[in-house]
Amino acid sequence: MTANDDRVLEFSELLQESRSRVFGLIYALVLNMADAEDLFQQTAALLWEKFDEYESGTDFAAWALRVARFKSANFVRGRQRERQRLSTGAIDELFEATAATPDVGQEERLQALRGCLGKLKASDRKLVERCYASGAAIGEIAAGEGKSAGAVYTALHRIRRSLMECIRRTLAGEEHPAPSGA
């Protein structure tokens, strides 16, 4: 193995270890899965581009979160057509909360998510399944529910927020009731 191969392997391992936190921050900022996936890929490419500036042994996740924060903030500022934009203060708060979250494995997060999904009202769980598992467009789902797309987005935002809180409490070992969206 060459030194370059070692560096590629180191980068891949570090990125994989911090992936859920970095992706979680990006998604919390843009609230759109497709945009979050694109921004994560752009962030990963930028991290690789600047990996020579990273000092081995330091906190890679903190560095990656800073890069993701700036990349996402630029994206949010660039979305002029969106009616709802996060303020710089809100972006800073999300960054601080994500940076302060202990790094938990993806399996633990998935297990917590499964438990929290099980605590949702049946109608909320059905909506989540239709939106994320079926691959249907929000407009189609809204039409099928007899609601506007905005109403579906609002419901999803409320459900995601309650799931995030439930997951946070579960991972912190706190006693918690069903998600508030339930």
C-alpha atoms as a PDB file:
ATOM      1  CA  MET A   1       0.000   0.000   0.000  1.00  0.00           C
ATOM      2  CA  THR A   2       1.311   3.420  -0.914  1.00  0.00           C
ATOM      3  CA  ALA A   3       1.184   6.498   1.271  1.00  0.00           C
ATOM      4  CA  ASN A   4      -1.590   7.836  -0.968  1.00  0.00           C
ATOM      5  CA  ASP A   5      -3.585   4.629  -0.484  1.00  0.00           C
ATOM      6  CA  ASP A   6      -3.192   5.030   3.284  1.00  0.00           C
ATOM      7  CA  ARG A   7      -4.456   8.613   3.047  1.00  0.00           C
ATOM      8  CA  VAL A   8      -7.479   7.566   0.965  1.00  0.00           C
ATOM      9  CA  LEU A   9      -8.259   4.808   3.459  1.00  0.00           C
ATOM     10  CA  GLU A  10      -7.892   7.215   6.402  1.00  0.00           C
ATOM     11  CA  PHE A  11     -10.229   9.730   4.749  1.00  0.00           C
ATOM     12  CA  SER A  12     -12.809   7.047   3.916  1.00  0.00           C
ATOM     13  CA  GLU A  13     -12.842   5.716   7.467  1.00  0.00           C
ATOM     14  CA  LEU A  14     -13.090   9.168   9.037  1.00  0.00           C
ATOM     15  CA  LEU A  15     -15.867  10.232   6.677  1.00  0.00           C
ATOM     16  CA  GLN A  16     -17.811   7.028   7.334  1.00  0.00           C
ATOM     17  CA  GLU A  17     -17.499   7.487  11.110  1.00  0.00           C
ATOM     18  CA  SER A  18     -18.874  11.027  10.963  1.00  0.00           C
ATOM     19  CA  ARG A  19     -21.352  10.519   8.109  1.00  0.00           C
ATOM     20  CA  SER A  20     -24.530  10.390  10.187  1.00  0.00           C
ATOM     21  CA  ARG A  21     -23.684  13.561  12.115  1.00  0.00           C
ATOM     22  CA  VAL A  22     -22.647  15.496   8.999  1.00  0.00           C
ATOM     23  CA  PHE A  23     -25.644  14.330   6.987  1.00  0.00           C
ATOM     24  CA  GLY A  24     -27.937  15.016   9.951  1.00  0.00           C
ATOM     25  CA  LEU A  25     -26.739  18.616  10.185  1.00  0.00           C
ATOM     26  CA  ILE A  26     -27.135  19.171   6.451  1.00  0.00           C
ATOM     27  CA  TYR A  27     -30.625  17.677   6.452  1.00  0.00           C
ATOM     28  CA  ALA A  28     -31.659  19.735   9.487  1.00  0.00           C
ATOM     29  CA  LEU A  29     -30.608  22.865   7.625  1.00  0.00           C
ATOM     30  CA  VAL A  30     -32.179  22.178   4.229  1.00  0.00           C
ATOM     31  CA  LEU A  31     -35.127  19.896   5.186  1.00  0.00           C
ATOM     32  CA  ASN A  32     -35.098  18.192   1.811  1.00  0.00           C
ATOM     33  CA  MET A  33     -33.673  14.694   1.342  1.00  0.00           C
ATOM     34  CA  ALA A  34     -32.520  15.178  -2.267  1.00  0.00           C
ATOM     35  CA  ASP A  35     -30.843  18.511  -1.475  1.00  0.00           C
ATOM     36  CA  ALA A  36     -29.262  17.015   1.649  1.00  0.00           C
ATOM     37  CA  GLU A  37     -27.853  14.085  -0.328  1.00  0.00           C
ATOM     38  CA  ASP A  38     -26.438  16.434  -2.983  1.00  0.00           C
ATOM     39  CA  LEU A  39     -24.944  18.724  -0.347  1.00  0.00           C
ATOM     40  CA  PHE A  40     -23.428  15.771   1.511  1.00  0.00           C
ATOM     41  CA  GLN A  41     -21.717  14.639  -1.697  1.00  0.00           C
ATOM     42  CA  GLN A  42     -20.477  18.179  -2.368  1.00  0.00           C
ATOM     43  CA  THR A  43     -19.262  18.436   1.235  1.00  0.00           C
ATOM     44  CA  ALA A  44     -17.472  15.078   0.983  1.00  0.00           C
ATOM     45  CA  ALA A  45     -15.787  16.181  -2.252  1.00  0.00           C
ATOM     46  CA  LEU A  46     -14.694  19.456  -0.643  1.00  0.00           C
ATOM     47  CA  LEU A  47     -13.414  17.607   2.447  1.00  0.00           C
ATOM     48  CA  TRP A  48     -11.342  15.327   0.202  1.00  0.00           C
ATOM     49  CA  GLU A  49     -10.088  18.325  -1.769  1.00  0.00           C
ATOM     50  CA  LYS A  50      -8.927  19.974   1.475  1.00  0.00           C
ATOM     51  CA  PHE A  51      -7.879  16.774   3.262  1.00  0.00           C
ATOM     52  CA  ASP A  52      -4.219  17.801   3.075  1.00  0.00           C
ATOM     53  CA  GLU A  53      -5.156  20.664   5.438  1.00  0.00           C
ATOM     54  CA  TYR A  54      -6.613  18.199   7.966  1.00  0.00           C
ATOM     55  CA  GLU A  55      -4.231  17.286  10.762  1.00  0.00           C
ATOM     56  CA  SER A  56      -4.376  13.544  11.516  1.00  0.00           C
ATOM     57  CA  GLY A  57      -5.430  12.777  15.056  1.00  0.00           C
ATOM     58  CA  THR A  58      -7.589  15.895  15.453  1.00  0.00           C
ATOM     59  CA  ASP A  59     -11.385  15.845  15.547  1.00  0.00           C
ATOM     60  CA  PHE A  60     -12.368  15.074  11.952  1.00  0.00           C
ATOM     61  CA  ALA A  61     -16.101  15.221  12.735  1.00  0.00           C
ATOM     62  CA  ALA A  62     -15.808  18.769  14.088  1.00  0.00           C
ATOM     63  CA  TRP A  63     -13.898  19.828  10.971  1.00  0.00           C
ATOM     64  CA  ALA A  64     -16.399  18.090   8.670  1.00  0.00           C
ATOM     65  CA  LEU A  65     -19.337  19.690  10.513  1.00  0.00           C
ATOM     66  CA  ARG A  66     -17.843  23.168  10.044  1.00  0.00           C
ATOM     67  CA  VAL A  67     -17.398  22.555   6.320  1.00  0.00           C
ATOM     68  CA  ALA A  68     -20.946  21.148   6.052  1.00  0.00           C
ATOM     69  CA  ARG A  69     -22.333  24.138   7.966  1.00  0.00           C
ATOM     70  CA  PHE A  70     -20.781  26.647   5.574  1.00  0.00           C
ATOM     71  CA  LYS A  71     -21.698  24.614   2.485  1.00  0.00           C
ATOM     72  CA  SER A  72     -25.306  24.306   3.702  1.00  0.00           C
ATOM     73  CA  ALA A  73     -25.548  27.952   4.770  1.00  0.00           C
ATOM     74  CA  ASN A  74     -24.423  29.034   1.298  1.00  0.00           C
ATOM     75  CA  PHE A  75     -27.022  26.733  -0.247  1.00  0.00           C
ATOM     76  CA  VAL A  76     -29.801  28.065   2.006  1.00  0.00           C
ATOM     77  CA  ARG A  77     -28.848  31.671   1.214  1.00  0.00           C
ATOM     78  CA  GLY A  78     -28.869  30.842  -2.490  1.00  0.00           C
ATOM     79  CA  ARG A  79     -32.432  29.544  -2.468  1.00  0.00           C
ATOM     80  CA  GLN A  80     -34.142  32.827  -3.245  1.00  0.00           C
ATOM     81  CA  ARG A  81     -37.361  31.172  -4.377  1.00  0.00           C
ATOM     82  CA  GLU A  82     -37.992  29.535  -0.991  1.00  0.00           C
ATOM     83  CA  ARG A  83     -40.426  31.341   1.268  1.00  0.00           C
ATOM     84  CA  GLN A  84     -39.027  29.912   4.481  1.00  0.00           C
ATOM     85  CA  ARG A  85     -35.337  30.382   5.090  1.00  0.00           C
ATOM     86  CA  LEU A  86     -33.316  29.709   8.198  1.00  0.00           C
ATOM     87  CA  SER A  87     -31.651  32.704   9.739  1.00  0.00           C
ATOM     88  CA  THR A  88     -27.920  32.656  10.350  1.00  0.00           C
ATOM     89  CA  GLY A  89     -28.712  32.411  14.075  1.00  0.00           C
ATOM     90  CA  ALA A  90     -30.823  29.285  13.516  1.00  0.00           C
ATOM     91  CA  ILE A  91     -28.067  27.747  11.400  1.00  0.00           C
ATOM     92  CA  ASP A  92     -25.568  28.503  14.179  1.00  0.00           C
ATOM     93  CA  GLU A  93     -27.867  26.904  16.784  1.00  0.00           C
ATOM     94  CA  LEU A  94     -28.306  23.737  14.712  1.00  0.00           C
ATOM     95  CA  PHE A  95     -24.550  23.554  14.185  1.00  0.00           C
ATOM     96  CA  GLU A  96     -23.858  23.916  17.912  1.00  0.00           C
ATOM     97  CA  ALA A  97     -26.444  21.281  18.812  1.00  0.00           C
ATOM     98  CA  THR A  98     -25.055  18.846  16.247  1.00  0.00           C
ATOM     99  CA  ALA A  99     -21.453  19.464  17.235  1.00  0.00           C
ATOM    100  CA  ALA A 100     -22.349  18.869  20.901  1.00  0.00           C
ATOM    101  CA  THR A 101     -24.167  15.587  20.176  1.00  0.00           C
ATOM    102  CA  PRO A 102     -22.128  12.544  21.137  1.00  0.00           C
ATOM    103  CA  ASP A 103     -21.057  10.434  18.190  1.00  0.00           C
ATOM    104  CA  VAL A 104     -23.340   7.426  18.310  1.00  0.00           C
ATOM    105  CA  GLY A 105     -23.206   4.590  15.840  1.00  0.00           C
ATOM    106  CA  GLN A 106     -25.609   4.453  12.947  1.00  0.00           C
ATOM    107  CA  GLU A 107     -27.092   1.192  14.216  1.00  0.00           C
ATOM    108  CA  GLU A 108     -28.004   2.785  17.560  1.00  0.00           C
ATOM    109  CA  ARG A 109     -29.667   5.688  15.737  1.00  0.00           C
ATOM    110  CA  LEU A 110     -31.617   3.320  13.480  1.00  0.00           C
ATOM    111  CA  GLN A 111     -32.760   1.295  16.478  1.00  0.00           C
ATOM    112  CA  ALA A 112     -33.905   4.479  18.236  1.00  0.00           C
ATOM    113  CA  LEU A 113     -35.692   5.616  15.053  1.00  0.00           C
ATOM    114  CA  ARG A 114     -37.521   2.292  14.778  1.00  0.00           C
ATOM    115  CA  GLY A 115     -38.676   2.574  18.383  1.00  0.00           C
ATOM    116  CA  CYS A 116     -39.796   6.172  17.931  1.00  0.00           C
ATOM    117  CA  LEU A 117     -41.639   5.379  14.697  1.00  0.00           C
ATOM    118  CA  GLY A 118     -43.524   2.700  16.594  1.00  0.00           C
ATOM    119  CA  LYS A 119     -44.752   5.337  19.054  1.00  0.00           C
ATOM    120  CA  LEU A 120     -46.268   7.599  16.387  1.00  0.00           C
ATOM    121  CA  LYS A 121     -50.000   7.821  15.770  1.00  0.00           C
ATOM    122  CA  ALA A 122     -51.001   5.401  13.035  1.00  0.00           C
ATOM    123  CA  SER A 123     -51.909   8.288  10.686  1.00  0.00           C
ATOM    124  CA  ASP A 124     -48.509   9.955  11.196  1.00  0.00           C
ATOM    125  CA  ARG A 125     -46.651   6.663  10.692  1.00  0.00           C
ATOM    126  CA  LYS A 126     -48.675   6.036   7.501  1.00  0.00           C
ATOM    127  CA  LEU A 127     -47.784   9.494   6.175  1.00  0.00           C
ATOM    128  CA  VAL A 128     -44.072   8.932   6.892  1.00  0.00           C
ATOM    129  CA  GLU A 129     -44.198   5.564   5.127  1.00  0.00           C
ATOM    130  CA  ARG A 130     -45.982   7.026   2.100  1.00  0.00           C
ATOM    131  CA  CYS A 131     -43.510   9.903   1.815  1.00  0.00           C
ATOM    132  CA  TYR A 132     -40.274   8.042   2.431  1.00  0.00           C
ATOM    133  CA  ALA A 133     -40.855   4.391   1.576  1.00  0.00           C
ATOM    134  CA  SER A 134     -43.125   4.621  -1.457  1.00  0.00           C
ATOM    135  CA  GLY A 135     -41.090   7.150  -3.411  1.00  0.00           C
ATOM    136  CA  ALA A 136     -44.276   9.003  -4.320  1.00  0.00           C
ATOM    137  CA  ALA A 137     -44.079  12.750  -4.873  1.00  0.00           C
ATOM    138  CA  ILE A 138     -45.474  15.009  -2.151  1.00  0.00           C
ATOM    139  CA  GLY A 139     -48.035  16.407  -4.615  1.00  0.00           C
ATOM    140  CA  GLU A 140     -49.378  12.902  -5.308  1.00  0.00           C
ATOM    141  CA  ILE A 141     -49.551  12.086  -1.604  1.00  0.00           C
ATOM    142  CA  ALA A 142     -51.282  15.389  -0.849  1.00  0.00           C
ATOM    143  CA  ALA A 143     -53.854  14.775  -3.590  1.00  0.00           C
ATOM    144  CA  GLY A 144     -54.486  11.263  -2.248  1.00  0.00           C
ATOM    145  CA  GLU A 145     -54.987  12.654   1.257  1.00  0.00           C
ATOM    146  CA  GLY A 146     -57.200  15.502   0.026  1.00  0.00           C
ATOM    147  CA  LYS A 147     -54.709  18.068   1.397  1.00  0.00           C
ATOM    148  CA  SER A 148     -52.426  20.704  -0.034  1.00  0.00           C
ATOM    149  CA  ALA A 149     -48.736  19.971  -0.535  1.00  0.00           C
ATOM    150  CA  GLY A 150     -48.010  22.682   2.044  1.00  0.00           C
ATOM    151  CA  ALA A 151     -50.149  20.871   4.627  1.00  0.00           C
ATOM    152  CA  VAL A 152     -48.249  17.637   3.986  1.00  0.00           C
ATOM    153  CA  TYR A 153     -44.890  19.418   4.281  1.00  0.00           C
ATOM    154  CA  THR A 154     -46.047  21.024   7.540  1.00  0.00           C
ATOM    155  CA  ALA A 155     -47.172  17.667   8.947  1.00  0.00           C
ATOM    156  CA  LEU A 156     -43.880  16.046   7.922  1.00  0.00           C
ATOM    157  CA  HIS A 157     -41.910  18.853   9.529  1.00  0.00           C
ATOM    158  CA  ARG A 158     -43.844  18.382  12.795  1.00  0.00           C
ATOM    159  CA  ILE A 159     -43.377  14.593  12.681  1.00  0.00           C
ATOM    160  CA  ARG A 160     -39.632  14.847  11.886  1.00  0.00           C
ATOM    161  CA  ARG A 161     -39.139  17.316  14.727  1.00  0.00           C
ATOM    162  CA  SER A 162     -40.894  15.024  17.194  1.00  0.00           C
ATOM    163  CA  LEU A 163     -38.946  11.992  15.920  1.00  0.00           C
ATOM    164  CA  MET A 164     -35.644  13.866  16.282  1.00  0.00           C
ATOM    165  CA  GLU A 165     -36.530  14.746  19.881  1.00  0.00           C
ATOM    166  CA  CYS A 166     -37.580  11.166  20.631  1.00  0.00           C
ATOM    167  CA  ILE A 167     -34.337   9.825  19.124  1.00  0.00           C
ATOM    168  CA  ARG A 168     -32.268  12.346  21.085  1.00  0.00           C
ATOM    169  CA  ARG A 169     -33.962  11.333  24.330  1.00  0.00           C
ATOM    170  CA  THR A 170     -33.657   7.636  23.541  1.00  0.00           C
ATOM    171  CA  LEU A 171     -29.937   7.919  22.796  1.00  0.00           C
ATOM    172  CA  ALA A 172     -29.432  10.011  25.949  1.00  0.00           C
ATOM    173  CA  GLY A 173     -31.208   7.317  27.973  1.00  0.00           C
ATOM    174  CA  GLU A 174     -33.937   9.682  29.119  1.00  0.00           C
ATOM    175  CA  GLU A 175     -37.439   8.514  29.939  1.00  0.00           C
ATOM    176  CA  HIS A 176     -39.771   9.844  27.300  1.00  0.00           C
ATOM    177  CA  PRO A 177     -43.373   9.613  26.214  1.00  0.00           C
ATOM    178  CA  ALA A 178     -44.452   8.988  22.654  1.00  0.00           C
ATOM    179  CA  PRO A 179     -43.212  11.641  20.189  1.00  0.00           C
ATOM    180  CA  SER A 180     -45.233  14.836  20.510  1.00  0.00           C
ATOM    181  CA  GLY A 181     -46.413  14.411  16.931  1.00  0.00           C
ATOM    182  CA  ALA A 182     -48.241  11.308  18.116  1.00  0.00           C
END
